[in-house]
N, C-alpha and C. Protein backbone atom coordinates (compact mmCIF):
# COMPACT_ATOMS: atom_id res chain seq x y z
N MET A 1 31.58 -3.28 -58.74
CA MET A 1 32.53 -2.23 -58.42
C MET A 1 33.30 -2.53 -57.14
N GLY A 2 32.65 -3.07 -56.14
CA GLY A 2 33.32 -3.39 -54.89
C GLY A 2 34.46 -4.36 -55.08
N GLN A 3 34.26 -5.31 -55.97
CA GLN A 3 35.29 -6.31 -56.26
C GLN A 3 36.53 -5.65 -56.85
N ARG A 4 36.32 -4.73 -57.77
CA ARG A 4 37.46 -4.03 -58.39
C ARG A 4 38.18 -3.15 -57.38
N ALA A 5 37.42 -2.49 -56.53
CA ALA A 5 38.03 -1.65 -55.51
C ALA A 5 38.87 -2.49 -54.55
N TYR A 6 38.32 -3.63 -54.13
CA TYR A 6 39.06 -4.50 -53.22
C TYR A 6 40.34 -5.00 -53.90
N ALA A 7 40.22 -5.40 -55.15
CA ALA A 7 41.39 -5.90 -55.89
C ALA A 7 42.47 -4.82 -55.97
N ARG A 8 42.06 -3.59 -56.19
CA ARG A 8 43.03 -2.48 -56.28
C ARG A 8 43.73 -2.26 -54.94
N VAL A 9 42.96 -2.23 -53.86
CA VAL A 9 43.54 -2.04 -52.53
C VAL A 9 44.48 -3.19 -52.21
N ASP A 10 44.05 -4.40 -52.53
CA ASP A 10 44.87 -5.58 -52.26
C ASP A 10 46.17 -5.54 -53.07
N ARG A 11 46.05 -5.15 -54.32
CA ARG A 11 47.23 -5.08 -55.20
C ARG A 11 48.25 -4.06 -54.69
N ASP A 12 47.78 -2.97 -54.12
CA ASP A 12 48.67 -1.89 -53.69
C ASP A 12 49.19 -2.06 -52.26
N THR A 13 48.74 -3.09 -51.56
CA THR A 13 49.11 -3.26 -50.16
C THR A 13 50.62 -3.43 -49.97
N ARG A 14 51.24 -4.27 -50.76
CA ARG A 14 52.68 -4.52 -50.60
C ARG A 14 53.47 -3.23 -50.76
N ALA A 15 53.18 -2.46 -51.80
CA ALA A 15 53.90 -1.21 -52.03
C ALA A 15 53.65 -0.22 -50.90
N LEU A 16 52.44 -0.19 -50.40
CA LEU A 16 52.11 0.71 -49.30
C LEU A 16 52.90 0.35 -48.04
N LYS A 17 52.99 -0.95 -47.76
CA LYS A 17 53.77 -1.39 -46.59
C LYS A 17 55.25 -1.04 -46.76
N LYS A 18 55.78 -1.25 -47.95
CA LYS A 18 57.19 -0.94 -48.20
C LYS A 18 57.48 0.55 -48.07
N SER A 19 56.49 1.37 -48.36
CA SER A 19 56.69 2.82 -48.33
C SER A 19 56.82 3.37 -46.91
N LEU A 20 56.46 2.59 -45.93
CA LEU A 20 56.46 2.99 -44.52
C LEU A 20 55.39 4.03 -44.19
N LEU A 21 54.50 4.31 -45.12
CA LEU A 21 53.42 5.25 -44.84
C LEU A 21 52.49 4.73 -43.74
N LEU A 22 52.42 3.42 -43.59
CA LEU A 22 51.53 2.86 -42.57
C LEU A 22 52.07 3.07 -41.16
N ALA A 23 53.27 3.61 -41.04
CA ALA A 23 53.81 3.98 -39.73
C ALA A 23 53.12 5.25 -39.22
N VAL A 24 52.50 5.99 -40.14
CA VAL A 24 51.77 7.20 -39.80
C VAL A 24 50.34 6.80 -39.44
N GLN A 25 49.92 7.14 -38.23
CA GLN A 25 48.61 6.69 -37.74
C GLN A 25 47.47 7.04 -38.69
N HIS A 26 47.44 8.25 -39.19
CA HIS A 26 46.35 8.66 -40.07
C HIS A 26 46.28 7.77 -41.31
N MET A 27 47.41 7.51 -41.92
CA MET A 27 47.45 6.66 -43.12
C MET A 27 47.04 5.23 -42.77
N ARG A 28 47.53 4.73 -41.65
CA ARG A 28 47.22 3.36 -41.22
C ARG A 28 45.72 3.21 -40.99
N ALA A 29 45.13 4.16 -40.30
CA ALA A 29 43.70 4.08 -39.98
C ALA A 29 42.84 4.24 -41.23
N GLN A 30 43.17 5.22 -42.05
CA GLN A 30 42.38 5.44 -43.27
C GLN A 30 42.49 4.23 -44.21
N THR A 31 43.67 3.63 -44.27
CA THR A 31 43.86 2.45 -45.11
C THR A 31 43.06 1.27 -44.59
N ALA A 32 43.04 1.08 -43.27
CA ALA A 32 42.25 0.00 -42.67
C ALA A 32 40.77 0.22 -42.95
N PHE A 33 40.31 1.45 -42.81
CA PHE A 33 38.90 1.75 -43.06
C PHE A 33 38.55 1.53 -44.53
N LEU A 34 39.41 1.98 -45.42
CA LEU A 34 39.18 1.77 -46.85
C LEU A 34 39.14 0.29 -47.19
N ARG A 35 40.10 -0.46 -46.69
CA ARG A 35 40.15 -1.90 -46.98
C ARG A 35 38.90 -2.60 -46.45
N GLY A 36 38.46 -2.25 -45.26
CA GLY A 36 37.24 -2.85 -44.69
C GLY A 36 36.01 -2.53 -45.52
N ARG A 37 35.90 -1.28 -45.95
CA ARG A 37 34.74 -0.90 -46.78
C ARG A 37 34.77 -1.62 -48.11
N CYS A 38 35.95 -1.75 -48.71
CA CYS A 38 36.06 -2.48 -49.97
C CYS A 38 35.74 -3.96 -49.79
N ALA A 39 36.16 -4.53 -48.68
CA ALA A 39 35.85 -5.95 -48.41
C ALA A 39 34.35 -6.15 -48.32
N ILE A 40 33.65 -5.26 -47.63
CA ILE A 40 32.19 -5.36 -47.51
C ILE A 40 31.55 -5.15 -48.88
N ALA A 41 32.01 -4.16 -49.62
CA ALA A 41 31.43 -3.87 -50.93
C ALA A 41 31.65 -4.99 -51.93
N SER A 42 32.63 -5.86 -51.69
CA SER A 42 32.93 -6.94 -52.63
C SER A 42 32.20 -8.24 -52.32
N LEU A 43 31.45 -8.29 -51.24
CA LEU A 43 30.84 -9.56 -50.80
C LEU A 43 29.95 -10.21 -51.86
N ASP A 44 29.09 -9.45 -52.49
CA ASP A 44 28.16 -10.03 -53.45
C ASP A 44 28.86 -10.52 -54.72
N ALA A 45 29.92 -9.81 -55.10
CA ALA A 45 30.63 -10.17 -56.34
C ALA A 45 31.51 -11.40 -56.17
N GLU A 46 31.93 -11.66 -54.94
CA GLU A 46 32.83 -12.79 -54.69
C GLU A 46 32.33 -13.63 -53.52
N PRO A 47 31.24 -14.37 -53.73
CA PRO A 47 30.65 -15.13 -52.63
C PRO A 47 31.58 -16.18 -52.01
N THR A 48 32.53 -16.69 -52.77
CA THR A 48 33.44 -17.70 -52.21
C THR A 48 34.42 -17.06 -51.21
N MET A 49 34.57 -15.77 -51.27
CA MET A 49 35.48 -15.06 -50.37
C MET A 49 34.74 -14.42 -49.19
N ARG A 50 33.45 -14.64 -49.12
CA ARG A 50 32.60 -13.97 -48.13
C ARG A 50 33.11 -14.14 -46.69
N ALA A 51 33.31 -15.36 -46.26
CA ALA A 51 33.75 -15.61 -44.87
C ALA A 51 35.10 -14.94 -44.60
N ARG A 52 36.00 -15.04 -45.55
CA ARG A 52 37.33 -14.44 -45.39
C ARG A 52 37.24 -12.92 -45.31
N ARG A 53 36.41 -12.32 -46.16
CA ARG A 53 36.29 -10.85 -46.16
C ARG A 53 35.60 -10.34 -44.89
N LEU A 54 34.62 -11.09 -44.40
CA LEU A 54 33.96 -10.68 -43.14
C LEU A 54 34.95 -10.78 -41.98
N ALA A 55 35.74 -11.85 -41.95
CA ALA A 55 36.75 -12.00 -40.89
C ALA A 55 37.78 -10.87 -40.98
N GLU A 56 38.18 -10.54 -42.19
CA GLU A 56 39.14 -9.45 -42.38
C GLU A 56 38.56 -8.13 -41.88
N THR A 57 37.30 -7.88 -42.19
CA THR A 57 36.67 -6.63 -41.77
C THR A 57 36.54 -6.57 -40.26
N ARG A 58 36.22 -7.69 -39.62
CA ARG A 58 36.19 -7.71 -38.15
C ARG A 58 37.58 -7.39 -37.58
N ARG A 59 38.62 -7.96 -38.18
CA ARG A 59 39.99 -7.70 -37.74
C ARG A 59 40.35 -6.23 -37.91
N LEU A 60 39.96 -5.65 -39.03
CA LEU A 60 40.25 -4.24 -39.28
C LEU A 60 39.51 -3.33 -38.30
N ALA A 61 38.29 -3.71 -37.94
CA ALA A 61 37.54 -2.93 -36.94
C ALA A 61 38.27 -2.97 -35.59
N ARG A 62 38.78 -4.14 -35.21
CA ARG A 62 39.55 -4.25 -33.96
C ARG A 62 40.81 -3.40 -34.03
N GLN A 63 41.45 -3.42 -35.19
CA GLN A 63 42.66 -2.60 -35.39
C GLN A 63 42.34 -1.12 -35.20
N LEU A 64 41.23 -0.68 -35.78
CA LEU A 64 40.84 0.72 -35.64
C LEU A 64 40.50 1.06 -34.18
N ASP A 65 39.86 0.15 -33.49
CA ASP A 65 39.58 0.36 -32.06
C ASP A 65 40.87 0.53 -31.27
N LYS A 66 41.87 -0.28 -31.59
CA LYS A 66 43.15 -0.24 -30.87
C LYS A 66 43.91 1.06 -31.10
N GLU A 67 43.59 1.77 -32.17
CA GLU A 67 44.25 3.06 -32.39
C GLU A 67 43.91 4.03 -31.25
N GLY A 68 42.75 3.82 -30.63
CA GLY A 68 42.39 4.58 -29.44
C GLY A 68 42.17 6.07 -29.64
N MET A 69 41.80 6.45 -30.83
CA MET A 69 41.57 7.86 -31.11
C MET A 69 40.08 8.14 -31.26
N ARG A 70 39.69 9.35 -30.92
CA ARG A 70 38.29 9.74 -31.02
C ARG A 70 37.78 9.59 -32.46
N TRP A 71 38.64 9.86 -33.43
CA TRP A 71 38.22 9.82 -34.84
C TRP A 71 38.27 8.42 -35.44
N THR A 72 38.98 7.47 -34.81
CA THR A 72 39.01 6.11 -35.35
C THR A 72 37.86 5.27 -34.81
N ALA A 73 37.30 5.65 -33.66
CA ALA A 73 36.20 4.89 -33.07
C ALA A 73 34.97 4.81 -33.99
N PRO A 74 34.55 5.91 -34.62
CA PRO A 74 33.40 5.79 -35.53
C PRO A 74 33.70 4.90 -36.74
N LEU A 75 34.93 4.92 -37.21
CA LEU A 75 35.31 4.08 -38.35
C LEU A 75 35.19 2.61 -37.97
N ALA A 76 35.65 2.27 -36.78
CA ALA A 76 35.55 0.89 -36.29
C ALA A 76 34.09 0.49 -36.15
N ALA A 77 33.27 1.38 -35.60
CA ALA A 77 31.85 1.07 -35.40
C ALA A 77 31.14 0.88 -36.74
N ILE A 78 31.51 1.65 -37.74
CA ILE A 78 30.92 1.49 -39.08
C ILE A 78 31.24 0.10 -39.63
N LEU A 79 32.49 -0.32 -39.49
CA LEU A 79 32.87 -1.65 -39.99
C LEU A 79 32.14 -2.75 -39.22
N LYS A 80 32.01 -2.59 -37.91
CA LYS A 80 31.27 -3.58 -37.11
C LYS A 80 29.81 -3.66 -37.56
N ALA A 81 29.22 -2.50 -37.83
CA ALA A 81 27.83 -2.48 -38.29
C ALA A 81 27.70 -3.17 -39.65
N ALA A 82 28.66 -2.92 -40.53
CA ALA A 82 28.62 -3.52 -41.86
C ALA A 82 28.73 -5.04 -41.79
N VAL A 83 29.58 -5.54 -40.90
CA VAL A 83 29.72 -6.98 -40.73
C VAL A 83 28.43 -7.57 -40.17
N ALA A 84 27.89 -6.95 -39.13
CA ALA A 84 26.64 -7.45 -38.53
C ALA A 84 25.52 -7.47 -39.56
N ASN A 85 25.44 -6.42 -40.36
CA ASN A 85 24.42 -6.34 -41.39
C ASN A 85 24.60 -7.44 -42.43
N ALA A 86 25.84 -7.64 -42.87
CA ALA A 86 26.12 -8.67 -43.88
C ALA A 86 25.81 -10.07 -43.34
N GLU A 87 25.96 -10.26 -42.04
CA GLU A 87 25.67 -11.55 -41.43
C GLU A 87 24.20 -11.72 -41.08
N GLY A 88 23.40 -10.69 -41.35
CA GLY A 88 21.97 -10.77 -41.08
C GLY A 88 21.60 -10.54 -39.63
N ASP A 89 22.52 -10.01 -38.84
CA ASP A 89 22.25 -9.72 -37.43
C ASP A 89 21.74 -8.29 -37.31
N ARG A 90 20.46 -8.12 -37.59
CA ARG A 90 19.85 -6.80 -37.63
C ARG A 90 19.99 -6.04 -36.31
N PRO A 91 19.69 -6.66 -35.14
CA PRO A 91 19.82 -5.91 -33.89
C PRO A 91 21.24 -5.40 -33.64
N ARG A 92 22.23 -6.23 -33.92
CA ARG A 92 23.62 -5.81 -33.72
C ARG A 92 24.01 -4.73 -34.73
N ALA A 93 23.51 -4.84 -35.96
CA ALA A 93 23.80 -3.82 -36.97
C ALA A 93 23.19 -2.47 -36.56
N ILE A 94 21.97 -2.51 -36.05
CA ILE A 94 21.32 -1.27 -35.60
C ILE A 94 22.09 -0.66 -34.44
N GLU A 95 22.47 -1.47 -33.48
CA GLU A 95 23.23 -0.99 -32.32
C GLU A 95 24.56 -0.38 -32.75
N ALA A 96 25.27 -1.06 -33.65
CA ALA A 96 26.57 -0.56 -34.10
C ALA A 96 26.42 0.72 -34.92
N LEU A 97 25.38 0.81 -35.74
CA LEU A 97 25.16 2.04 -36.51
C LEU A 97 24.83 3.21 -35.58
N ARG A 98 23.99 2.96 -34.59
CA ARG A 98 23.67 4.03 -33.63
C ARG A 98 24.94 4.50 -32.91
N SER A 99 25.78 3.55 -32.54
CA SER A 99 27.05 3.88 -31.90
C SER A 99 27.94 4.68 -32.86
N ALA A 100 28.02 4.24 -34.11
CA ALA A 100 28.85 4.94 -35.10
C ALA A 100 28.39 6.38 -35.27
N ILE A 101 27.09 6.59 -35.32
CA ILE A 101 26.54 7.95 -35.47
C ILE A 101 26.94 8.81 -34.28
N ASP A 102 26.72 8.29 -33.08
CA ASP A 102 27.06 9.04 -31.86
C ASP A 102 28.56 9.35 -31.80
N LEU A 103 29.38 8.35 -32.10
CA LEU A 103 30.83 8.54 -32.06
C LEU A 103 31.28 9.54 -33.13
N ALA A 104 30.68 9.48 -34.31
CA ALA A 104 31.04 10.41 -35.38
C ALA A 104 30.66 11.84 -34.99
N LEU A 105 29.51 12.01 -34.39
CA LEU A 105 29.10 13.35 -33.95
C LEU A 105 30.05 13.88 -32.88
N ALA A 106 30.44 13.01 -31.95
CA ALA A 106 31.36 13.42 -30.88
C ALA A 106 32.74 13.80 -31.45
N ALA A 107 33.10 13.22 -32.58
CA ALA A 107 34.40 13.49 -33.20
C ALA A 107 34.31 14.55 -34.30
N ASN A 108 33.16 15.21 -34.39
CA ASN A 108 32.95 16.24 -35.43
C ASN A 108 33.12 15.69 -36.84
N MET A 109 32.60 14.49 -37.04
CA MET A 109 32.66 13.83 -38.35
C MET A 109 31.24 13.77 -38.92
N ALA A 110 30.74 14.93 -39.30
CA ALA A 110 29.35 15.05 -39.72
C ALA A 110 29.02 14.19 -40.93
N GLY A 111 29.93 14.07 -41.86
CA GLY A 111 29.67 13.26 -43.05
C GLY A 111 29.47 11.80 -42.71
N HIS A 112 30.30 11.28 -41.83
CA HIS A 112 30.17 9.89 -41.40
C HIS A 112 28.87 9.69 -40.61
N ALA A 113 28.53 10.67 -39.78
CA ALA A 113 27.28 10.59 -39.01
C ALA A 113 26.08 10.59 -39.95
N ALA A 114 26.10 11.45 -40.95
CA ALA A 114 24.99 11.52 -41.90
C ALA A 114 24.87 10.24 -42.71
N ALA A 115 26.01 9.69 -43.12
CA ALA A 115 25.98 8.44 -43.89
C ALA A 115 25.45 7.30 -43.02
N GLY A 116 25.88 7.24 -41.78
CA GLY A 116 25.38 6.22 -40.86
C GLY A 116 23.89 6.37 -40.60
N ARG A 117 23.45 7.60 -40.44
CA ARG A 117 22.03 7.88 -40.21
C ARG A 117 21.20 7.46 -41.43
N TYR A 118 21.72 7.72 -42.62
CA TYR A 118 21.02 7.34 -43.85
C TYR A 118 20.84 5.81 -43.91
N GLN A 119 21.94 5.09 -43.66
CA GLN A 119 21.86 3.62 -43.73
C GLN A 119 21.01 3.06 -42.58
N LEU A 120 21.07 3.67 -41.41
CA LEU A 120 20.22 3.23 -40.31
C LEU A 120 18.76 3.41 -40.68
N GLY A 121 18.42 4.56 -41.24
CA GLY A 121 17.04 4.80 -41.67
C GLY A 121 16.60 3.80 -42.72
N SER A 122 17.50 3.49 -43.63
CA SER A 122 17.19 2.51 -44.67
C SER A 122 16.94 1.13 -44.07
N LEU A 123 17.74 0.78 -43.07
CA LEU A 123 17.59 -0.52 -42.42
C LEU A 123 16.31 -0.59 -41.60
N LEU A 124 16.01 0.47 -40.86
CA LEU A 124 14.82 0.47 -40.00
C LEU A 124 13.52 0.53 -40.79
N GLY A 125 13.52 1.34 -41.85
CA GLY A 125 12.29 1.52 -42.62
C GLY A 125 11.21 2.20 -41.79
N GLY A 126 10.01 2.18 -42.30
CA GLY A 126 8.88 2.77 -41.58
C GLY A 126 9.05 4.27 -41.35
N GLU A 127 8.26 4.77 -40.42
CA GLU A 127 8.26 6.20 -40.13
C GLU A 127 9.60 6.69 -39.56
N GLU A 128 10.13 5.92 -38.61
CA GLU A 128 11.42 6.30 -38.02
C GLU A 128 12.52 6.30 -39.07
N GLY A 129 12.52 5.28 -39.90
CA GLY A 129 13.53 5.20 -40.95
C GLY A 129 13.43 6.34 -41.94
N ALA A 130 12.22 6.65 -42.35
CA ALA A 130 12.01 7.74 -43.30
C ALA A 130 12.49 9.07 -42.72
N GLU A 131 12.24 9.28 -41.43
CA GLU A 131 12.69 10.50 -40.76
C GLU A 131 14.22 10.58 -40.73
N LEU A 132 14.87 9.47 -40.42
CA LEU A 132 16.34 9.45 -40.38
C LEU A 132 16.93 9.71 -41.76
N VAL A 133 16.37 9.08 -42.79
CA VAL A 133 16.86 9.29 -44.15
C VAL A 133 16.66 10.74 -44.56
N ALA A 134 15.50 11.31 -44.25
CA ALA A 134 15.23 12.71 -44.61
C ALA A 134 16.20 13.65 -43.91
N ARG A 135 16.46 13.43 -42.62
CA ARG A 135 17.41 14.27 -41.88
C ARG A 135 18.81 14.14 -42.47
N SER A 136 19.16 12.93 -42.85
CA SER A 136 20.47 12.69 -43.43
C SER A 136 20.59 13.39 -44.79
N GLU A 137 19.58 13.25 -45.62
CA GLU A 137 19.60 13.89 -46.94
C GLU A 137 19.70 15.41 -46.80
N GLU A 138 19.00 15.96 -45.84
CA GLU A 138 19.05 17.40 -45.57
C GLU A 138 20.47 17.83 -45.20
N ALA A 139 21.05 17.10 -44.27
CA ALA A 139 22.41 17.42 -43.82
C ALA A 139 23.41 17.30 -44.96
N MET A 140 23.28 16.25 -45.75
CA MET A 140 24.21 16.06 -46.86
C MET A 140 24.03 17.14 -47.92
N SER A 141 22.78 17.47 -48.21
CA SER A 141 22.49 18.49 -49.20
C SER A 141 23.10 19.84 -48.78
N ALA A 142 23.02 20.14 -47.49
CA ALA A 142 23.59 21.39 -46.98
C ALA A 142 25.11 21.43 -47.16
N GLN A 143 25.72 20.27 -47.28
CA GLN A 143 27.17 20.19 -47.49
C GLN A 143 27.53 20.01 -48.97
N GLY A 144 26.52 20.06 -49.84
CA GLY A 144 26.78 19.97 -51.27
C GLY A 144 26.71 18.58 -51.87
N VAL A 145 26.27 17.61 -51.08
CA VAL A 145 26.13 16.25 -51.59
C VAL A 145 24.86 16.18 -52.42
N ARG A 146 24.97 15.72 -53.64
CA ARG A 146 23.81 15.65 -54.53
C ARG A 146 23.11 14.30 -54.49
N LYS A 147 23.85 13.24 -54.27
CA LYS A 147 23.26 11.89 -54.27
C LYS A 147 23.56 11.23 -52.93
N ALA A 148 22.64 11.42 -52.01
CA ALA A 148 22.83 10.95 -50.64
C ALA A 148 23.06 9.44 -50.58
N ALA A 149 22.33 8.69 -51.37
CA ALA A 149 22.47 7.23 -51.34
C ALA A 149 23.89 6.81 -51.73
N ARG A 150 24.44 7.45 -52.73
CA ARG A 150 25.81 7.13 -53.16
C ARG A 150 26.83 7.50 -52.10
N PHE A 151 26.65 8.68 -51.54
CA PHE A 151 27.58 9.13 -50.50
C PHE A 151 27.53 8.18 -49.31
N ALA A 152 26.34 7.83 -48.88
CA ALA A 152 26.17 6.92 -47.74
C ALA A 152 26.80 5.56 -48.04
N ALA A 153 26.60 5.06 -49.26
CA ALA A 153 27.15 3.75 -49.63
C ALA A 153 28.67 3.76 -49.69
N THR A 154 29.24 4.92 -49.95
CA THR A 154 30.69 5.03 -49.99
C THR A 154 31.29 4.92 -48.59
N LEU A 155 30.68 5.59 -47.63
CA LEU A 155 31.21 5.57 -46.27
C LEU A 155 30.70 4.40 -45.44
N VAL A 156 29.50 3.93 -45.74
CA VAL A 156 28.88 2.84 -44.97
C VAL A 156 28.31 1.82 -45.97
N PRO A 157 29.18 1.00 -46.56
CA PRO A 157 28.73 0.08 -47.61
C PRO A 157 27.90 -1.08 -47.08
N GLY A 158 27.15 -1.67 -47.97
CA GLY A 158 26.35 -2.84 -47.63
C GLY A 158 24.92 -2.70 -48.12
N ARG A 159 24.17 -3.75 -47.94
CA ARG A 159 22.75 -3.76 -48.32
C ARG A 159 21.92 -3.45 -47.08
N TRP A 160 21.64 -2.19 -46.89
CA TRP A 160 20.98 -1.74 -45.67
C TRP A 160 19.47 -1.70 -45.76
N HIS A 161 18.91 -1.73 -46.92
CA HIS A 161 17.47 -1.60 -47.03
C HIS A 161 16.86 -2.85 -47.61
N PRO A 162 15.68 -3.20 -47.15
CA PRO A 162 15.01 -4.43 -47.60
C PRO A 162 14.75 -4.46 -49.10
N HIS A 163 14.61 -3.33 -49.73
CA HIS A 163 14.28 -3.28 -51.17
C HIS A 163 15.50 -2.83 -51.96
N PHE A 164 16.66 -3.37 -51.61
CA PHE A 164 17.93 -2.95 -52.21
C PHE A 164 17.89 -3.02 -53.72
N GLU A 165 17.35 -4.08 -54.29
CA GLU A 165 17.37 -4.24 -55.74
C GLU A 165 16.66 -3.08 -56.44
N LYS A 166 15.58 -2.59 -55.84
CA LYS A 166 14.86 -1.47 -56.44
C LYS A 166 15.67 -0.18 -56.39
N ARG A 167 16.53 -0.06 -55.35
CA ARG A 167 17.29 1.18 -55.16
C ARG A 167 18.71 1.07 -55.70
N GLU A 168 19.11 -0.13 -56.12
CA GLU A 168 20.48 -0.35 -56.53
C GLU A 168 20.90 0.61 -57.65
N SER A 169 19.99 0.98 -58.51
CA SER A 169 20.34 1.87 -59.62
C SER A 169 20.77 3.25 -59.10
N LEU A 170 20.40 3.59 -57.87
CA LEU A 170 20.82 4.87 -57.29
C LEU A 170 22.29 4.85 -56.91
N LEU A 171 22.81 3.66 -56.72
CA LEU A 171 24.20 3.55 -56.26
C LEU A 171 25.06 3.49 -57.47
């Protein structure tokens, strides 16, 4: 699915640029975040593009940071965490996810914070991880989210848990 999503975003990029919608900060930032998430979600389906997609996601995270807005900072941190996770840099992924959660809370972005908390709990595992996942599921359920794993994977894509294959059917 990630591969198809990335292909769709890539296909529509030229038309989006021509439309001048990217001159609007909100559209530009949301598009960068979407493209970065699709790039991460496509990694397993297109291994030959892995290095290019990771580099693109790093660039998009920098772009989001440069927007300098309270609401773009968590989006950038999520992309940084996803790249670190995909590269197997667990400590950096944990640090970036913790930052993303804090930044999302400061920006009143509860859904992003809950998704980050869910993936952080999945990555950490153990008692602390289980507590984070449970808190996240509670928060999401209170907002009407029925499938926390799917919601979290949409906002914070990647293989965050050691037993991904067993849980993949949830996504």
